[in-house]
N, C-alpha and C. Protein backbone atom coordinates (compact mmCIF):
# COMPACT_ATOMS: atom_id res chain seq x y z
N MET A 1 0.70 -1.59 0.31
CA MET A 1 0.15 -0.05 0.05
C MET A 1 0.72 1.13 0.08
N ASN A 2 2.15 0.92 -0.54
CA ASN A 2 2.46 1.84 -1.00
C ASN A 2 2.22 3.81 -1.53
N ASP A 3 2.13 4.64 -1.45
CA ASP A 3 2.31 5.75 -2.26
C ASP A 3 3.29 5.81 -3.39
N GLU A 4 2.31 7.19 -4.18
CA GLU A 4 3.27 7.90 -4.99
C GLU A 4 4.49 8.13 -5.13
N ALA A 5 4.90 8.70 -3.95
CA ALA A 5 5.84 8.93 -3.78
C ALA A 5 6.96 7.38 -2.95
N GLY A 6 6.73 6.55 -2.58
CA GLY A 6 7.15 5.10 -2.26
C GLY A 6 6.96 5.37 -0.71
N ARG A 7 5.75 5.95 0.05
CA ARG A 7 6.01 6.01 1.62
C ARG A 7 4.56 5.26 2.10
N ILE A 8 5.35 4.29 3.02
CA ILE A 8 4.13 3.59 3.59
C ILE A 8 2.49 4.26 3.81
N ASN A 9 1.98 2.87 3.97
CA ASN A 9 0.85 3.84 4.76
C ASN A 9 1.38 2.79 6.11
N PRO A 10 0.97 4.22 7.14
CA PRO A 10 0.83 3.24 8.55
C PRO A 10 -0.30 2.44 9.19
N ASP A 11 -1.05 2.48 8.54
CA ASP A 11 -2.24 1.31 8.26
C ASP A 11 -1.98 0.25 8.95
N TRP A 12 -1.31 -0.09 7.48
CA TRP A 12 -1.01 -1.23 6.25
C TRP A 12 0.45 -1.39 6.79
N GLU A 13 1.31 -0.88 6.86
CA GLU A 13 2.60 -0.97 6.85
C GLU A 13 3.68 -1.07 8.22
N CYS A 14 4.62 -1.41 8.15
CA CYS A 14 5.63 -1.12 8.86
C CYS A 14 6.93 -1.28 8.11
N THR A 15 7.84 -0.13 8.89
CA THR A 15 9.09 -0.47 8.37
C THR A 15 9.62 -1.55 9.18
N PRO A 16 11.09 -2.29 8.44
CA PRO A 16 11.95 -3.59 9.05
C PRO A 16 12.49 -2.06 10.25
N ARG A 17 12.96 -1.21 10.38
CA ARG A 17 13.92 -0.26 11.37
C ARG A 17 12.71 -0.52 13.13
N GLU A 18 11.13 0.14 12.51
CA GLU A 18 9.92 0.28 13.47
C GLU A 18 10.32 -1.35 14.04
N VAL A 19 10.05 -2.36 13.23
CA VAL A 19 9.61 -3.12 14.20
C VAL A 19 11.26 -4.04 15.10
N PHE A 20 12.04 -3.36 14.16
CA PHE A 20 13.49 -3.81 15.26
C PHE A 20 13.61 -2.97 16.72
N GLN A 21 12.91 -1.96 16.52
CA GLN A 21 12.78 -0.69 17.83
C GLN A 21 11.99 -0.94 18.04
N ARG A 22 10.65 -1.87 17.82
CA ARG A 22 10.14 -1.72 18.91
C ARG A 22 9.67 -2.78 19.47
N ARG A 23 10.69 -4.00 18.91
CA ARG A 23 10.88 -5.12 19.60
C ARG A 23 12.26 -4.49 20.39
N ARG A 24 13.25 -4.83 20.32
CA ARG A 24 14.60 -3.98 21.05
C ARG A 24 13.29 -3.52 22.61
N ASP A 25 12.31 -2.29 22.17
CA ASP A 25 11.98 -1.97 23.22
C ASP A 25 11.04 -3.39 24.22
N GLY A 26 10.49 -3.77 23.67
CA GLY A 26 9.97 -5.15 24.34
C GLY A 26 8.43 -5.04 24.38
N GLU A 27 8.38 -4.54 23.19
CA GLU A 27 6.59 -4.91 22.49
C GLU A 27 6.37 -6.07 21.75
N GLU A 28 5.58 -6.73 22.19
CA GLU A 28 4.92 -7.77 21.68
C GLU A 28 4.85 -8.35 20.05
N LEU A 29 5.57 -8.33 19.54
CA LEU A 29 5.27 -8.38 18.16
C LEU A 29 5.42 -9.66 17.09
N LEU A 30 4.25 -9.81 16.65
CA LEU A 30 4.75 -11.32 16.38
C LEU A 30 5.52 -11.61 14.62
N LEU A 31 6.27 -11.85 14.56
CA LEU A 31 6.87 -12.00 13.49
C LEU A 31 6.22 -12.66 12.05
N ILE A 32 5.70 -12.96 11.23
CA ILE A 32 5.17 -14.02 10.46
C ILE A 32 5.67 -13.63 9.33
N ASP A 33 6.57 -15.71 8.82
CA ASP A 33 7.12 -15.61 7.54
C ASP A 33 5.68 -15.92 6.92
N CYS A 34 5.90 -14.56 5.48
CA CYS A 34 4.65 -15.91 4.44
C CYS A 34 5.17 -16.36 3.50
N ARG A 35 6.93 -16.67 3.34
CA ARG A 35 7.72 -17.03 1.95
C ARG A 35 7.46 -18.58 2.04
N THR A 36 8.42 -19.13 0.78
CA THR A 36 7.63 -20.18 0.62
C THR A 36 8.78 -21.18 1.32
N HIS A 37 8.74 -22.64 1.94
CA HIS A 37 9.93 -23.12 2.76
C HIS A 37 11.23 -23.03 2.20
N GLU A 38 10.96 -22.98 0.91
CA GLU A 38 12.27 -22.86 0.41
C GLU A 38 13.31 -21.47 0.32
N GLU A 39 12.23 -20.97 0.64
CA GLU A 39 12.91 -19.40 0.80
C GLU A 39 13.29 -19.64 2.21
N ARG A 40 12.37 -19.62 3.51
CA ARG A 40 12.45 -19.73 4.57
C ARG A 40 13.94 -20.28 5.16
N ALA A 41 14.85 -21.56 4.33
CA ALA A 41 15.81 -22.40 4.80
C ALA A 41 16.92 -21.82 4.12
N LEU A 42 16.78 -20.64 3.43
CA LEU A 42 17.94 -20.01 2.59
C LEU A 42 18.20 -18.83 4.01
N VAL A 43 17.04 -17.87 4.35
CA VAL A 43 17.66 -16.70 5.45
C VAL A 43 16.45 -16.32 5.86
N SER A 44 16.03 -16.20 7.49
CA SER A 44 14.60 -16.25 8.28
C SER A 44 15.13 -14.72 9.58
N ILE A 45 13.91 -14.29 9.56
CA ILE A 45 14.17 -13.59 11.11
C ILE A 45 14.38 -14.37 11.93
N GLU A 46 14.93 -13.82 13.22
CA GLU A 46 15.49 -15.37 14.32
C GLU A 46 13.97 -14.46 15.17
N ASP A 47 13.00 -15.58 16.00
CA ASP A 47 11.77 -15.54 16.35
C ASP A 47 11.09 -15.53 15.49
N SER A 48 10.80 -15.76 14.79
CA SER A 48 9.03 -15.27 13.16
C SER A 48 9.10 -16.62 13.12
N VAL A 49 7.89 -16.26 12.86
CA VAL A 49 6.64 -18.40 13.04
C VAL A 49 6.47 -18.06 11.06
N HIS A 50 6.73 -19.27 10.75
CA HIS A 50 6.64 -19.63 9.52
C HIS A 50 5.14 -20.06 9.10
N VAL A 51 4.88 -19.16 8.42
CA VAL A 51 3.08 -19.87 7.82
C VAL A 51 3.29 -19.02 6.62
N PRO A 52 3.20 -20.44 5.72
CA PRO A 52 3.50 -20.42 3.77
C PRO A 52 2.10 -19.31 3.40
N GLN A 53 2.29 -18.45 2.55
CA GLN A 53 0.80 -18.22 2.50
C GLN A 53 -0.18 -18.46 1.82
N ASP A 54 0.10 -20.17 1.38
CA ASP A 54 -0.79 -21.25 0.80
C ASP A 54 -1.13 -22.20 1.26
N GLU A 55 -0.74 -21.59 3.04
CA GLU A 55 -1.21 -22.47 3.93
C GLU A 55 -1.59 -21.51 5.60
N LEU A 56 -1.97 -20.45 4.59
CA LEU A 56 -2.60 -19.82 5.54
C LEU A 56 -3.90 -20.18 6.66
N SER A 57 -4.91 -20.29 5.60
CA SER A 57 -6.62 -20.50 5.44
C SER A 57 -6.39 -21.57 6.51
N SER A 58 -5.48 -22.52 6.18
CA SER A 58 -5.50 -24.14 7.58
C SER A 58 -5.24 -23.55 8.40
N ASN A 59 -4.12 -22.08 8.59
CA ASN A 59 -3.68 -21.88 10.17
C ASN A 59 -3.95 -20.43 10.69
N LEU A 60 -5.30 -20.21 10.39
CA LEU A 60 -6.32 -19.43 10.77
C LEU A 60 -6.40 -18.96 12.03
N GLU A 61 -6.89 -20.29 12.63
CA GLU A 61 -7.54 -20.75 14.42
C GLU A 61 -5.65 -20.74 14.71
N ARG A 62 -4.88 -20.90 14.46
CA ARG A 62 -3.19 -20.51 15.45
C ARG A 62 -3.38 -19.36 15.27
N LEU A 63 -3.50 -18.46 14.66
CA LEU A 63 -3.20 -16.80 14.04
C LEU A 63 -4.06 -16.12 15.02
N PHE A 64 -5.65 -16.42 15.04
CA PHE A 64 -6.48 -15.76 16.12
C PHE A 64 -5.74 -15.68 17.42
N ARG A 65 -4.89 -16.85 17.87
CA ARG A 65 -4.46 -17.12 19.39
C ARG A 65 -3.71 -16.41 18.98
N MET A 66 -2.31 -16.55 18.67
CA MET A 66 -1.43 -14.97 18.41
C MET A 66 -1.63 -13.44 18.52
N GLU A 67 -2.80 -13.68 18.10
CA GLU A 67 -2.72 -12.31 17.43
C GLU A 67 -3.56 -11.46 19.08
N ASP A 68 -4.50 -12.65 20.41
CA ASP A 68 -4.65 -12.59 21.39
C ASP A 68 -3.53 -11.78 21.87
N ALA A 69 -2.68 -12.44 21.73
CA ALA A 69 -1.21 -11.66 22.47
C ALA A 69 -1.02 -10.70 21.80
N SER A 70 -0.74 -10.33 20.99
CA SER A 70 0.45 -9.48 20.59
C SER A 70 -0.04 -8.88 18.28
N GLU A 71 0.54 -8.16 18.02
CA GLU A 71 0.06 -7.29 17.26
C GLU A 71 0.46 -8.25 15.93
N LEU A 72 0.22 -8.44 14.68
CA LEU A 72 0.96 -9.56 13.51
C LEU A 72 1.77 -8.76 12.90
N VAL A 73 2.89 -9.25 12.51
CA VAL A 73 3.46 -8.41 11.42
C VAL A 73 4.28 -8.99 10.63
N VAL A 74 3.79 -9.42 10.00
CA VAL A 74 3.75 -10.10 8.08
C VAL A 74 5.26 -9.63 7.76
N TYR A 75 5.53 -10.78 6.98
CA TYR A 75 6.82 -10.04 5.67
C TYR A 75 7.34 -11.61 5.19
N CYS A 76 7.72 -11.07 4.22
CA CYS A 76 7.98 -11.84 2.52
C CYS A 76 9.75 -11.85 2.10
N HIS A 77 10.04 -11.63 0.88
CA HIS A 77 10.27 -11.42 0.04
C HIS A 77 10.96 -9.19 0.24
N HIS A 78 9.86 -8.90 -0.49
CA HIS A 78 10.24 -7.90 -1.01
C HIS A 78 8.81 -7.10 -0.21
N GLY A 79 8.08 -7.83 0.60
CA GLY A 79 6.82 -6.72 0.92
C GLY A 79 5.64 -6.97 0.08
N VAL A 80 5.22 -7.94 -1.24
CA VAL A 80 4.13 -7.50 -1.69
C VAL A 80 3.22 -8.97 -1.38
N ARG A 81 4.07 -10.29 -1.80
CA ARG A 81 3.18 -11.27 -0.82
C ARG A 81 2.59 -11.38 0.18
N SER A 82 3.22 -10.60 1.26
CA SER A 82 2.76 -9.99 3.08
C SER A 82 2.02 -9.30 2.80
N LEU A 83 1.81 -7.88 2.24
CA LEU A 83 0.79 -7.36 1.65
C LEU A 83 -0.22 -7.96 1.56
N ALA A 84 -0.48 -9.03 0.39
CA ALA A 84 -1.75 -9.52 0.13
C ALA A 84 -1.93 -10.32 1.67
N VAL A 85 -1.15 -11.26 2.31
CA VAL A 85 -1.83 -12.12 2.97
C VAL A 85 -2.31 -11.03 4.20
N VAL A 86 -1.61 -9.63 4.30
CA VAL A 86 -2.30 -8.75 5.82
C VAL A 86 -3.89 -8.49 5.05
N ALA A 87 -3.93 -9.17 3.92
CA ALA A 87 -5.46 -8.04 3.34
C ALA A 87 -6.13 -9.33 3.44
N ALA A 88 -5.96 -10.90 3.32
CA ALA A 88 -6.52 -12.16 3.47
C ALA A 88 -7.16 -12.26 4.97
N LEU A 89 -5.83 -11.72 6.25
CA LEU A 89 -6.42 -12.00 7.23
C LEU A 89 -7.49 -10.34 7.77
N ARG A 90 -6.95 -9.46 7.39
CA ARG A 90 -8.05 -8.32 8.06
C ARG A 90 -9.62 -8.83 7.36
N GLU A 91 -9.34 -9.59 5.69
CA GLU A 91 -10.52 -10.18 5.35
C GLU A 91 -11.38 -11.05 6.52
N ALA A 92 -10.50 -11.88 6.42
CA ALA A 92 -11.08 -13.26 8.03
C ALA A 92 -11.40 -12.71 9.21
N GLY A 93 -10.58 -11.22 9.88
CA GLY A 93 -11.61 -10.91 10.91
C GLY A 93 -10.54 -9.92 12.23
N PHE A 94 -8.83 -10.24 11.60
CA PHE A 94 -8.18 -9.70 12.04
C PHE A 94 -8.15 -8.03 11.78
N GLU A 95 -7.74 -7.94 13.15
CA GLU A 95 -7.91 -6.05 13.64
C GLU A 95 -6.11 -5.75 13.81
N SER A 96 -5.42 -6.94 14.22
CA SER A 96 -3.86 -6.08 14.74
C SER A 96 -2.86 -6.83 13.67
N VAL A 97 -3.01 -6.50 12.80
CA VAL A 97 -1.97 -6.83 12.13
C VAL A 97 -1.72 -6.39 10.49
N ARG A 98 -0.29 -5.80 10.09
CA ARG A 98 0.12 -5.09 9.19
C ARG A 98 1.81 -5.98 8.45
N SER A 99 2.07 -5.71 7.64
CA SER A 99 3.22 -5.93 6.48
C SER A 99 4.49 -5.14 6.81
N MET A 100 5.39 -5.79 7.15
CA MET A 100 6.75 -5.28 6.91
C MET A 100 6.95 -4.93 5.67
N ALA A 101 6.90 -3.44 5.16
CA ALA A 101 7.56 -2.71 3.90
C ALA A 101 9.01 -3.36 3.35
N GLY A 102 9.24 -4.05 2.63
CA GLY A 102 10.10 -4.25 1.92
C GLY A 102 10.75 -5.55 2.11
N GLY A 103 9.99 -6.53 2.91
CA GLY A 103 10.69 -7.59 2.97
C GLY A 103 11.54 -7.81 4.16
N ILE A 104 11.92 -9.55 3.63
CA ILE A 104 13.42 -9.84 4.63
C ILE A 104 14.74 -8.59 3.62
N HIS A 105 14.76 -8.58 3.40
CA HIS A 105 15.38 -7.92 2.36
C HIS A 105 15.76 -6.04 2.80
N ARG A 106 14.66 -5.73 2.72
CA ARG A 106 15.29 -4.44 3.25
C ARG A 106 15.45 -4.53 4.83
N TRP A 107 14.81 -5.48 5.56
CA TRP A 107 15.56 -5.96 6.94
C TRP A 107 16.84 -6.64 6.52
N SER A 108 17.01 -6.84 5.74
CA SER A 108 18.67 -7.28 5.74
C SER A 108 19.66 -5.86 5.37
N LYS A 109 19.27 -4.85 4.60
CA LYS A 109 19.37 -3.89 4.25
C LYS A 109 19.54 -3.30 5.49
N GLU A 110 19.26 -2.49 6.20
CA GLU A 110 18.20 -1.87 7.17
C GLU A 110 19.15 -2.07 8.81
N VAL A 111 18.83 -3.17 9.03
CA VAL A 111 18.22 -3.79 10.30
C VAL A 111 19.46 -4.85 10.24
N ASP A 112 19.93 -5.99 9.88
CA ASP A 112 20.87 -6.98 10.17
C ASP A 112 21.35 -7.49 8.89
N PRO A 113 22.74 -6.64 8.57
CA PRO A 113 23.10 -6.53 7.60
C PRO A 113 24.04 -7.59 7.25
N ASP A 114 24.05 -8.50 8.79
CA ASP A 114 24.91 -10.29 8.21
C ASP A 114 23.96 -11.24 7.58
N LEU A 115 22.81 -11.21 7.96
CA LEU A 115 21.99 -12.09 7.24
C LEU A 115 21.72 -11.60 5.64
N PRO A 116 22.25 -12.41 5.13
CA PRO A 116 22.31 -12.92 3.33
C PRO A 116 21.27 -13.04 2.44
N THR A 117 21.57 -11.77 1.75
CA THR A 117 20.14 -11.84 0.20
C THR A 117 20.01 -12.86 -0.64
N TYR A 118 18.95 -12.32 -1.65
CA TYR A 118 18.74 -13.69 -2.26
C TYR A 118 17.44 -12.69 -2.97
N SER A 119 17.95 -13.18 -4.79
CA SER A 119 17.38 -13.02 -5.52
C SER A 119 16.02 -14.10 -6.76
């Protein structure tokens, strides 16, 4: 949900730096990795939960329980699939869920440069 200038919509997205700072400050944010099993095997963000996009519907009940405890932040490779997952989750009734803009690629550039990138 980026606008023409590339800014993010804070109702739908958050930046990797924001996620990192909020987690560092002790906020309960649950990172949901919606990438494929193969992508996750390459690299992942520590303490994230893996729910591939194509397995979303079979994990809704589990995710509802997780949302009760914290805000859900969904990420993928670049932030496109995670926005689609956020839209699907909101349609299913989730309220406290956003996409991490730029995905794990942006995370590796802005937060943890030790994480490998991939194409």
